Amino acid sequence: MDFQIIQNVSYIIASALFILGIKRLGKESTAVSGNFMSALGMFIAVSVSAISFVDPLLEIVVLALGAVIGSVIAPGELIPVGYDSNTSGDGVRADALALGGL
């Protein structure tokens, strides 16, 4: 069977899992399975994309660049939130609100 057909079918399955997973996040009783379904869909899509790369060096460079960008952005988002005067009352830091989740 042609790899292009396998790739397209995999993308369809991945997108269906991702969409259904997000839909299941709406209820507390199905949120865990929804999170798993979405993660599985993303894993399938990323895996198929990684396999189809022509130049592995380019793939490594792009992944490293994404890791660096994520590492720079993430520490501002992962600050542990405790109750202090700097929160908006719902546990969200005022500086996080001001940055708009950047």
PDB file of N, CA and C in Angstrom:
ATOM      1  N   MET A   1       0.855  -1.184   0.000  1.00  0.00           N
ATOM      2  CA  MET A   1       0.000   0.000   0.000  1.00  0.00           C
ATOM      3  C   MET A   1       0.898   1.242   0.000  1.00  0.00           C
ATOM      4  N   ASP A   2       0.461   2.270  -0.665  1.00  0.00           N
ATOM      5  CA  ASP A   2       1.209   3.505  -0.781  1.00  0.00           C
ATOM      6  C   ASP A   2       1.255   4.242   0.569  1.00  0.00           C
ATOM      7  N   PHE A   3       2.433   4.797   0.905  1.00  0.00           N
ATOM      8  CA  PHE A   3       2.585   5.503   2.179  1.00  0.00           C
ATOM      9  C   PHE A   3       1.675   6.723   2.252  1.00  0.00           C
ATOM     10  N   GLN A   4       1.429   7.374   1.149  1.00  0.00           N
ATOM     11  CA  GLN A   4       0.560   8.555   1.125  1.00  0.00           C
ATOM     12  C   GLN A   4      -0.849   8.223   1.611  1.00  0.00           C
ATOM     13  N   ILE A   5      -1.363   7.057   1.220  1.00  0.00           N
ATOM     14  CA  ILE A   5      -2.700   6.638   1.667  1.00  0.00           C
ATOM     15  C   ILE A   5      -2.700   6.385   3.167  1.00  0.00           C
ATOM     16  N   ILE A   6      -1.672   5.689   3.654  1.00  0.00           N
ATOM     17  CA  ILE A   6      -1.556   5.435   5.098  1.00  0.00           C
ATOM     18  C   ILE A   6      -1.450   6.738   5.865  1.00  0.00           C
ATOM     19  N   GLN A   7      -0.687   7.672   5.335  1.00  0.00           N
ATOM     20  CA  GLN A   7      -0.515   8.972   5.979  1.00  0.00           C
ATOM     21  C   GLN A   7      -1.847   9.729   6.052  1.00  0.00           C
ATOM     22  N   ASN A   8      -2.591   9.753   4.963  1.00  0.00           N
ATOM     23  CA  ASN A   8      -3.865  10.467   4.946  1.00  0.00           C
ATOM     24  C   ASN A   8      -4.886   9.835   5.889  1.00  0.00           C
ATOM     25  N   VAL A   9      -4.947   8.511   5.904  1.00  0.00           N
ATOM     26  CA  VAL A   9      -5.876   7.828   6.818  1.00  0.00           C
ATOM     27  C   VAL A   9      -5.471   8.097   8.266  1.00  0.00           C
ATOM     28  N   SER A  10      -4.179   8.100   8.541  1.00  0.00           N
ATOM     29  CA  SER A  10      -3.702   8.387   9.899  1.00  0.00           C
ATOM     30  C   SER A  10      -4.088   9.802  10.332  1.00  0.00           C
ATOM     31  N   TYR A  11      -3.960  10.765   9.421  1.00  0.00           N
ATOM     32  CA  TYR A  11      -4.346  12.139   9.743  1.00  0.00           C
ATOM     33  C   TYR A  11      -5.849  12.245  10.019  1.00  0.00           C
ATOM     34  N   ILE A  12      -6.653  11.522   9.275  1.00  0.00           N
ATOM     35  CA  ILE A  12      -8.106  11.548   9.499  1.00  0.00           C
ATOM     36  C   ILE A  12      -8.430  10.955  10.864  1.00  0.00           C
ATOM     37  N   ILE A  13      -7.811   9.826  11.187  1.00  0.00           N
ATOM     38  CA  ILE A  13      -8.034   9.206  12.500  1.00  0.00           C
ATOM     39  C   ILE A  13      -7.556  10.133  13.612  1.00  0.00           C
ATOM     40  N   ALA A  14      -6.387  10.747  13.428  1.00  0.00           N
ATOM     41  CA  ALA A  14      -5.845  11.651  14.444  1.00  0.00           C
ATOM     42  C   ALA A  14      -6.757  12.855  14.652  1.00  0.00           C
ATOM     43  N   SER A  15      -7.261  13.432  13.572  1.00  0.00           N
ATOM     44  CA  SER A  15      -8.131  14.602  13.719  1.00  0.00           C
ATOM     45  C   SER A  15      -9.453  14.221  14.379  1.00  0.00           C
ATOM     46  N   ALA A  16      -9.984  13.048  14.052  1.00  0.00           N
ATOM     47  CA  ALA A  16     -11.222  12.593  14.698  1.00  0.00           C
ATOM     48  C   ALA A  16     -11.000  12.375  16.190  1.00  0.00           C
ATOM     49  N   LEU A  17      -9.896  11.739  16.558  1.00  0.00           N
ATOM     50  CA  LEU A  17      -9.592  11.540  17.983  1.00  0.00           C
ATOM     51  C   LEU A  17      -9.435  12.874  18.696  1.00  0.00           C
ATOM     52  N   PHE A  18      -8.750  13.812  18.058  1.00  0.00           N
ATOM     53  CA  PHE A  18      -8.520  15.109  18.682  1.00  0.00           C
ATOM     54  C   PHE A  18      -9.837  15.861  18.888  1.00  0.00           C
ATOM     55  N   ILE A  19     -10.687  15.887  17.885  1.00  0.00           N
ATOM     56  CA  ILE A  19     -11.962  16.601  17.990  1.00  0.00           C
ATOM     57  C   ILE A  19     -12.882  15.945  19.012  1.00  0.00           C
ATOM     58  N   LEU A  20     -12.986  14.619  18.960  1.00  0.00           N
ATOM     59  CA  LEU A  20     -13.828  13.916  19.941  1.00  0.00           C
ATOM     60  C   LEU A  20     -13.278  14.074  21.357  1.00  0.00           C
ATOM     61  N   GLY A  21     -11.963  14.069  21.484  1.00  0.00           N
ATOM     62  CA  GLY A  21     -11.356  14.270  22.796  1.00  0.00           C
ATOM     63  C   GLY A  21     -11.664  15.636  23.369  1.00  0.00           C
ATOM     64  N   ILE A  22     -11.595  16.662  22.541  1.00  0.00           N
ATOM     65  CA  ILE A  22     -11.914  18.013  23.009  1.00  0.00           C
ATOM     66  C   ILE A  22     -13.393  18.092  23.402  1.00  0.00           C
ATOM     67  N   LYS A  23     -14.245  17.445  22.644  1.00  0.00           N
ATOM     68  CA  LYS A  23     -15.670  17.438  22.980  1.00  0.00           C
ATOM     69  C   LYS A  23     -15.900  16.783  24.340  1.00  0.00           C
ATOM     70  N   ARG A  24     -15.167  15.712  24.640  1.00  0.00           N
ATOM     71  CA  ARG A  24     -15.343  15.002  25.904  1.00  0.00           C
ATOM     72  C   ARG A  24     -14.777  15.778  27.097  1.00  0.00           C
ATOM     73  N   LEU A  25     -13.984  16.803  26.851  1.00  0.00           N
ATOM     74  CA  LEU A  25     -13.449  17.598  27.954  1.00  0.00           C
ATOM     75  C   LEU A  25     -14.526  18.446  28.629  1.00  0.00           C
ATOM     76  N   GLY A  26     -15.688  18.556  28.011  1.00  0.00           N
ATOM     77  CA  GLY A  26     -16.758  19.397  28.533  1.00  0.00           C
ATOM     78  C   GLY A  26     -17.429  18.865  29.790  1.00  0.00           C
ATOM     79  N   LYS A  27     -17.365  17.569  30.044  1.00  0.00           N
ATOM     80  CA  LYS A  27     -17.995  16.986  31.227  1.00  0.00           C
ATOM     81  C   LYS A  27     -16.919  16.449  32.155  1.00  0.00           C
ATOM     82  N   GLU A  28     -17.136  16.629  33.426  1.00  0.00           N
ATOM     83  CA  GLU A  28     -16.154  16.176  34.409  1.00  0.00           C
ATOM     84  C   GLU A  28     -15.978  14.656  34.374  1.00  0.00           C
ATOM     85  N   SER A  29     -17.050  13.947  34.120  1.00  0.00           N
ATOM     86  CA  SER A  29     -16.976  12.485  34.135  1.00  0.00           C
ATOM     87  C   SER A  29     -16.216  11.911  32.935  1.00  0.00           C
ATOM     88  N   THR A  30     -16.119  12.648  31.842  1.00  0.00           N
ATOM     89  CA  THR A  30     -15.440  12.145  30.645  1.00  0.00           C
ATOM     90  C   THR A  30     -14.154  12.915  30.323  1.00  0.00           C
ATOM     91  N   ALA A  31     -13.767  13.837  31.187  1.00  0.00           N
ATOM     92  CA  ALA A  31     -12.617  14.695  30.885  1.00  0.00           C
ATOM     93  C   ALA A  31     -11.306  13.920  30.799  1.00  0.00           C
ATOM     94  N   VAL A  32     -11.129  12.936  31.654  1.00  0.00           N
ATOM     95  CA  VAL A  32      -9.874  12.180  31.632  1.00  0.00           C
ATOM     96  C   VAL A  32      -9.733  11.414  30.319  1.00  0.00           C
ATOM     97  N   SER A  33     -10.795  10.740  29.906  1.00  0.00           N
ATOM     98  CA  SER A  33     -10.730  10.007  28.647  1.00  0.00           C
ATOM     99  C   SER A  33     -10.629  10.962  27.458  1.00  0.00           C
ATOM    100  N   GLY A  34     -11.257  12.137  27.560  1.00  0.00           N
ATOM    101  CA  GLY A  34     -11.142  13.135  26.501  1.00  0.00           C
ATOM    102  C   GLY A  34      -9.730  13.649  26.354  1.00  0.00           C
ATOM    103  N   ASN A  35      -9.073  13.873  27.485  1.00  0.00           N
ATOM    104  CA  ASN A  35      -7.684  14.322  27.456  1.00  0.00           C
ATOM    105  C   ASN A  35      -6.803  13.250  26.821  1.00  0.00           C
ATOM    106  N   PHE A  36      -7.042  11.983  27.174  1.00  0.00           N
ATOM    107  CA  PHE A  36      -6.272  10.885  26.598  1.00  0.00           C
ATOM    108  C   PHE A  36      -6.501  10.781  25.091  1.00  0.00           C
ATOM    109  N   MET A  37      -7.749  10.895  24.665  1.00  0.00           N
ATOM    110  CA  MET A  37      -8.059  10.801  23.234  1.00  0.00           C
ATOM    111  C   MET A  37      -7.381  11.923  22.449  1.00  0.00           C
ATOM    112  N   SER A  38      -7.430  13.134  22.983  1.00  0.00           N
ATOM    113  CA  SER A  38      -6.792  14.264  22.304  1.00  0.00           C
ATOM    114  C   SER A  38      -5.288  14.079  22.228  1.00  0.00           C
ATOM    115  N   ALA A  39      -4.692  13.625  23.324  1.00  0.00           N
ATOM    116  CA  ALA A  39      -3.248  13.399  23.339  1.00  0.00           C
ATOM    117  C   ALA A  39      -2.859  12.304  22.351  1.00  0.00           C
ATOM    118  N   LEU A  40      -3.652  11.242  22.279  1.00  0.00           N
ATOM    119  CA  LEU A  40      -3.378  10.158  21.329  1.00  0.00           C
ATOM    120  C   LEU A  40      -3.484  10.657  19.887  1.00  0.00           C
ATOM    121  N   GLY A  41      -4.492  11.468  19.610  1.00  0.00           N
ATOM    122  CA  GLY A  41      -4.639  12.042  18.275  1.00  0.00           C
ATOM    123  C   GLY A  41      -3.450  12.913  17.894  1.00  0.00           C
ATOM    124  N   MET A  42      -2.984  13.741  18.822  1.00  0.00           N
ATOM    125  CA  MET A  42      -1.816  14.582  18.548  1.00  0.00           C
ATOM    126  C   MET A  42      -0.568  13.735  18.373  1.00  0.00           C
ATOM    127  N   PHE A  43      -0.433  12.682  19.187  1.00  0.00           N
ATOM    128  CA  PHE A  43       0.725  11.790  19.059  1.00  0.00           C
ATOM    129  C   PHE A  43       0.757  11.129  17.680  1.00  0.00           C
ATOM    130  N   ILE A  44      -0.383  10.657  17.224  1.00  0.00           N
ATOM    131  CA  ILE A  44      -0.454  10.023  15.901  1.00  0.00           C
ATOM    132  C   ILE A  44      -0.075  11.023  14.812  1.00  0.00           C
ATOM    133  N   ALA A  45      -0.640  12.228  14.890  1.00  0.00           N
ATOM    134  CA  ALA A  45      -0.367  13.236  13.857  1.00  0.00           C
ATOM    135  C   ALA A  45       1.110  13.634  13.830  1.00  0.00           C
ATOM    136  N   VAL A  46       1.687  13.854  15.002  1.00  0.00           N
ATOM    137  CA  VAL A  46       3.099  14.242  15.062  1.00  0.00           C
ATOM    138  C   VAL A  46       3.991  13.091  14.601  1.00  0.00           C
ATOM    139  N   SER A  47       3.644  11.865  14.996  1.00  0.00           N
ATOM    140  CA  SER A  47       4.445  10.708  14.595  1.00  0.00           C
ATOM    141  C   SER A  47       4.436  10.513  13.084  1.00  0.00           C
ATOM    142  N   VAL A  48       3.266  10.606  12.480  1.00  0.00           N
ATOM    143  CA  VAL A  48       3.173  10.441  11.028  1.00  0.00           C
ATOM    144  C   VAL A  48       3.922  11.565  10.318  1.00  0.00           C
ATOM    145  N   SER A  49       3.827  12.770  10.852  1.00  0.00           N
ATOM    146  CA  SER A  49       4.555  13.889  10.248  1.00  0.00           C
ATOM    147  C   SER A  49       6.060  13.690  10.371  1.00  0.00           C
ATOM    148  N   ALA A  50       6.501  13.194  11.525  1.00  0.00           N
ATOM    149  CA  ALA A  50       7.934  12.977  11.727  1.00  0.00           C
ATOM    150  C   ALA A  50       8.472  11.889  10.811  1.00  0.00           C
ATOM    151  N   ILE A  51       7.688  10.848  10.591  1.00  0.00           N
ATOM    152  CA  ILE A  51       8.122   9.750   9.718  1.00  0.00           C
ATOM    153  C   ILE A  51       8.232  10.219   8.269  1.00  0.00           C
ATOM    154  N   SER A  52       7.380  11.154   7.877  1.00  0.00           N
ATOM    155  CA  SER A  52       7.344  11.571   6.474  1.00  0.00           C
ATOM    156  C   SER A  52       8.388  12.624   6.125  1.00  0.00           C
ATOM    157  N   PHE A  53       9.170  13.092   7.092  1.00  0.00           N
ATOM    158  CA  PHE A  53      10.196  14.091   6.805  1.00  0.00           C
ATOM    159  C   PHE A  53      11.253  13.507   5.882  1.00  0.00           C
ATOM    160  N   VAL A  54      11.709  14.296   4.932  1.00  0.00           N
ATOM    161  CA  VAL A  54      12.723  13.849   3.988  1.00  0.00           C
ATOM    162  C   VAL A  54      14.115  14.003   4.603  1.00  0.00           C
ATOM    163  N   ASP A  55      14.320  15.098   5.321  1.00  0.00           N
ATOM    164  CA  ASP A  55      15.636  15.392   5.878  1.00  0.00           C
ATOM    165  C   ASP A  55      15.579  15.302   7.405  1.00  0.00           C
ATOM    166  N   PRO A  56      16.144  14.252   7.994  1.00  0.00           N
ATOM    167  CA  PRO A  56      16.090  14.110   9.461  1.00  0.00           C
ATOM    168  C   PRO A  56      16.800  15.244  10.204  1.00  0.00           C
ATOM    169  N   LEU A  57      17.845  15.812   9.603  1.00  0.00           N
ATOM    170  CA  LEU A  57      18.548  16.912  10.249  1.00  0.00           C
ATOM    171  C   LEU A  57      17.640  18.125  10.391  1.00  0.00           C
ATOM    172  N   LEU A  58      16.854  18.400   9.367  1.00  0.00           N
ATOM    173  CA  LEU A  58      15.899  19.498   9.429  1.00  0.00           C
ATOM    174  C   LEU A  58      14.884  19.260  10.539  1.00  0.00           C
ATOM    175  N   GLU A  59      14.438  18.024  10.669  1.00  0.00           N
ATOM    176  CA  GLU A  59      13.473  17.682  11.714  1.00  0.00           C
ATOM    177  C   GLU A  59      14.066  17.930  13.097  1.00  0.00           C
ATOM    178  N   ILE A  60      15.299  17.542  13.306  1.00  0.00           N
ATOM    179  CA  ILE A  60      15.950  17.743  14.607  1.00  0.00           C
ATOM    180  C   ILE A  60      16.105  19.226  14.896  1.00  0.00           C
ATOM    181  N   VAL A  61      16.481  20.008  13.894  1.00  0.00           N
ATOM    182  CA  VAL A  61      16.644  21.455  14.081  1.00  0.00           C
ATOM    183  C   VAL A  61      15.308  22.108  14.436  1.00  0.00           C
ATOM    184  N   VAL A  62      14.248  21.717  13.742  1.00  0.00           N
ATOM    185  CA  VAL A  62      12.925  22.288  14.008  1.00  0.00           C
ATOM    186  C   VAL A  62      12.439  21.895  15.409  1.00  0.00           C
ATOM    187  N   LEU A  63      12.626  20.645  15.802  1.00  0.00           N
ATOM    188  CA  LEU A  63      12.233  20.212  17.145  1.00  0.00           C
ATOM    189  C   LEU A  63      13.033  20.941  18.218  1.00  0.00           C
ATOM    190  N   ALA A  64      14.329  21.120  17.991  1.00  0.00           N
ATOM    191  CA  ALA A  64      15.160  21.844  18.960  1.00  0.00           C
ATOM    192  C   ALA A  64      14.728  23.304  19.056  1.00  0.00           C
ATOM    193  N   LEU A  65      14.421  23.920  17.937  1.00  0.00           N
ATOM    194  CA  LEU A  65      13.957  25.306  17.944  1.00  0.00           C
ATOM    195  C   LEU A  65      12.639  25.430  18.706  1.00  0.00           C
ATOM    196  N   GLY A  66      11.722  24.501  18.475  1.00  0.00           N
ATOM    197  CA  GLY A  66      10.462  24.505  19.212  1.00  0.00           C
ATOM    198  C   GLY A  66      10.664  24.303  20.702  1.00  0.00           C
ATOM    199  N   ALA A  67      11.609  23.438  21.074  1.00  0.00           N
ATOM    200  CA  ALA A  67      11.901  23.208  22.490  1.00  0.00           C
ATOM    201  C   ALA A  67      12.471  24.457  23.144  1.00  0.00           C
ATOM    202  N   VAL A  68      13.340  25.160  22.441  1.00  0.00           N
ATOM    203  CA  VAL A  68      13.924  26.391  22.986  1.00  0.00           C
ATOM    204  C   VAL A  68      12.846  27.458  23.153  1.00  0.00           C
ATOM    205  N   ILE A  69      12.015  27.644  22.142  1.00  0.00           N
ATOM    206  CA  ILE A  69      10.949  28.643  22.226  1.00  0.00           C
ATOM    207  C   ILE A  69       9.983  28.298  23.357  1.00  0.00           C
ATOM    208  N   GLY A  70       9.604  27.034  23.464  1.00  0.00           N
ATOM    209  CA  GLY A  70       8.712  26.613  24.538  1.00  0.00           C
ATOM    210  C   GLY A  70       9.326  26.795  25.910  1.00  0.00           C
ATOM    211  N   SER A  71      10.620  26.539  26.032  1.00  0.00           N
ATOM    212  CA  SER A  71      11.307  26.702  27.314  1.00  0.00           C
ATOM    213  C   SER A  71      11.396  28.163  27.728  1.00  0.00           C
ATOM    214  N   VAL A  72      11.500  29.039  26.760  1.00  0.00           N
ATOM    215  CA  VAL A  72      11.556  30.467  27.069  1.00  0.00           C
ATOM    216  C   VAL A  72      10.181  30.983  27.487  1.00  0.00           C
ATOM    217  N   ILE A  73       9.135  30.529  26.815  1.00  0.00           N
ATOM    218  CA  ILE A  73       7.783  31.002  27.087  1.00  0.00           C
ATOM    219  C   ILE A  73       7.191  30.363  28.335  1.00  0.00           C
ATOM    220  N   ALA A  74       7.434  29.076  28.549  1.00  0.00           N
ATOM    221  CA  ALA A  74       6.762  28.307  29.599  1.00  0.00           C
ATOM    222  C   ALA A  74       7.031  28.778  31.024  1.00  0.00           C
ATOM    223  N   PRO A  75       8.249  29.165  31.419  1.00  0.00           N
ATOM    224  CA  PRO A  75       8.440  29.513  32.835  1.00  0.00           C
ATOM    225  C   PRO A  75       7.511  30.606  33.334  1.00  0.00           C
ATOM    226  N   GLY A  76       7.126  31.542  32.509  1.00  0.00           N
ATOM    227  CA  GLY A  76       6.184  32.579  32.921  1.00  0.00           C
ATOM    228  C   GLY A  76       4.795  32.036  33.164  1.00  0.00           C
ATOM    229  N   GLU A  77       4.452  30.937  32.517  1.00  0.00           N
ATOM    230  CA  GLU A  77       3.131  30.341  32.658  1.00  0.00           C
ATOM    231  C   GLU A  77       3.068  29.323  33.782  1.00  0.00           C
ATOM    232  N   LEU A  78       4.204  28.784  34.205  1.00  0.00           N
ATOM    233  CA  LEU A  78       4.216  27.701  35.173  1.00  0.00           C
ATOM    234  C   LEU A  78       4.518  28.164  36.588  1.00  0.00           C
ATOM    235  N   ILE A  79       4.381  29.459  36.846  1.00  0.00           N
ATOM    236  CA  ILE A  79       4.624  29.979  38.195  1.00  0.00           C
ATOM    237  C   ILE A  79       3.543  29.436  39.122  1.00  0.00           C
ATOM    238  N   PRO A  80       3.943  28.778  40.227  1.00  0.00           N
ATOM    239  CA  PRO A  80       2.926  28.277  41.153  1.00  0.00           C
ATOM    240  C   PRO A  80       2.087  29.425  41.696  1.00  0.00           C
ATOM    241  N   VAL A  81       0.790  29.237  41.702  1.00  0.00           N
ATOM    242  CA  VAL A  81      -0.114  30.296  42.128  1.00  0.00           C
ATOM    243  C   VAL A  81      -0.600  29.993  43.535  1.00  0.00           C
ATOM    244  N   GLY A  82      -0.311  30.890  44.447  1.00  0.00           N
ATOM    245  CA  GLY A  82      -0.810  30.792  45.805  1.00  0.00           C
ATOM    246  C   GLY A  82      -1.665  32.017  46.071  1.00  0.00           C
ATOM    247  N   TYR A  83      -2.348  32.032  47.173  1.00  0.00           N
ATOM    248  CA  TYR A  83      -3.182  33.203  47.465  1.00  0.00           C
ATOM    249  C   TYR A  83      -2.300  34.323  47.954  1.00  0.00           C
ATOM    250  N   ASP A  84      -2.303  35.414  47.262  1.00  0.00           N
ATOM    251  CA  ASP A  84      -1.641  36.630  47.708  1.00  0.00           C
ATOM    252  C   ASP A  84      -2.376  37.812  47.108  1.00  0.00           C
ATOM    253  N   SER A  85      -1.932  38.984  47.414  1.00  0.00           N
ATOM    254  CA  SER A  85      -2.630  40.187  46.956  1.00  0.00           C
ATOM    255  C   SER A  85      -2.431  40.421  45.456  1.00  0.00           C
ATOM    256  N   ASN A  86      -1.579  39.635  44.839  1.00  0.00           N
ATOM    257  CA  ASN A  86      -1.288  39.815  43.427  1.00  0.00           C
ATOM    258  C   ASN A  86      -2.215  38.991  42.529  1.00  0.00           C
ATOM    259  N   THR A  87      -3.230  38.335  43.101  1.00  0.00           N
ATOM    260  CA  THR A  87      -4.139  37.533  42.291  1.00  0.00           C
ATOM    261  C   THR A  87      -5.449  38.270  42.098  1.00  0.00           C
ATOM    262  N   SER A  88      -6.197  37.840  41.097  1.00  0.00           N
ATOM    263  CA  SER A  88      -7.460  38.495  40.779  1.00  0.00           C
ATOM    264  C   SER A  88      -8.632  37.927  41.570  1.00  0.00           C
ATOM    265  N   GLY A  89      -8.369  37.047  42.526  1.00  0.00           N
ATOM    266  CA  GLY A  89      -9.435  36.471  43.328  1.00  0.00           C
ATOM    267  C   GLY A  89      -9.775  35.056  42.933  1.00  0.00           C
ATOM    268  N   ASP A  90      -9.472  34.685  41.684  1.00  0.00           N
ATOM    269  CA  ASP A  90      -9.755  33.321  41.251  1.00  0.00           C
ATOM    270  C   ASP A  90      -8.469  32.510  41.095  1.00  0.00           C
ATOM    271  N   GLY A  91      -7.378  33.001  41.652  1.00  0.00           N
ATOM    272  CA  GLY A  91      -6.126  32.272  41.606  1.00  0.00           C
ATOM    273  C   GLY A  91      -5.277  32.585  40.390  1.00  0.00           C
ATOM    274  N   VAL A  92      -5.721  33.484  39.525  1.00  0.00           N
ATOM    275  CA  VAL A  92      -4.955  33.849  38.342  1.00  0.00           C
ATOM    276  C   VAL A  92      -4.128  35.074  38.672  1.00  0.00           C
ATOM    277  N   ARG A  93      -2.857  34.979  38.434  1.00  0.00           N
ATOM    278  CA  ARG A  93      -1.972  36.099  38.755  1.00  0.00           C
ATOM    279  C   ARG A  93      -2.282  37.302  37.861  1.00  0.00           C
ATOM    280  N   ALA A  94      -2.173  38.461  38.446  1.00  0.00           N
ATOM    281  CA  ALA A  94      -2.466  39.677  37.694  1.00  0.00           C
ATOM    282  C   ALA A  94      -1.509  39.874  36.533  1.00  0.00           C
ATOM    283  N   ASP A  95      -0.237  39.490  36.720  1.00  0.00           N
ATOM    284  CA  ASP A  95       0.700  39.657  35.611  1.00  0.00           C
ATOM    285  C   ASP A  95       0.390  38.681  34.469  1.00  0.00           C
ATOM    286  N   ALA A  96      -0.153  37.501  34.796  1.00  0.00           N
ATOM    287  CA  ALA A  96      -0.561  36.570  33.740  1.00  0.00           C
ATOM    288  C   ALA A  96      -1.757  37.123  32.974  1.00  0.00           C
ATOM    289  N   LEU A  97      -2.665  37.785  33.681  1.00  0.00           N
ATOM    290  CA  LEU A  97      -3.796  38.406  33.002  1.00  0.00           C
ATOM    291  C   LEU A  97      -3.348  39.539  32.103  1.00  0.00           C
ATOM    292  N   ALA A  98      -2.387  40.323  32.587  1.00  0.00           N
ATOM    293  CA  ALA A  98      -1.906  41.454  31.818  1.00  0.00           C
ATOM    294  C   ALA A  98      -1.188  41.010  30.545  1.00  0.00           C
ATOM    295  N   LEU A  99      -0.484  39.876  30.623  1.00  0.00           N
ATOM    296  CA  LEU A  99       0.238  39.385  29.458  1.00  0.00           C
ATOM    297  C   LEU A  99      -0.673  38.662  28.480  1.00  0.00           C
ATOM    298  N   GLY A 100      -1.885  38.354  28.884  1.00  0.00           N
ATOM    299  CA  GLY A 100      -2.810  37.679  27.995  1.00  0.00           C
ATOM    300  C   GLY A 100      -2.422  36.241  27.716  1.00  0.00           C
ATOM    301  N   GLY A 101      -1.725  35.619  28.638  1.00  0.00           N
ATOM    302  CA  GLY A 101      -1.355  34.222  28.475  1.00  0.00           C
ATOM    303  C   GLY A 101      -0.183  34.012  27.530  1.00  0.00           C
ATOM    304  N   LEU A 102       0.607  35.060  27.284  1.00  0.00           N
ATOM    305  CA  LEU A 102       1.777  34.883  26.430  1.00  0.00           C
ATOM    306  C   LEU A 102       2.712  33.989  27.153  1.00  0.00           C
TER     307      LEU A 102
END
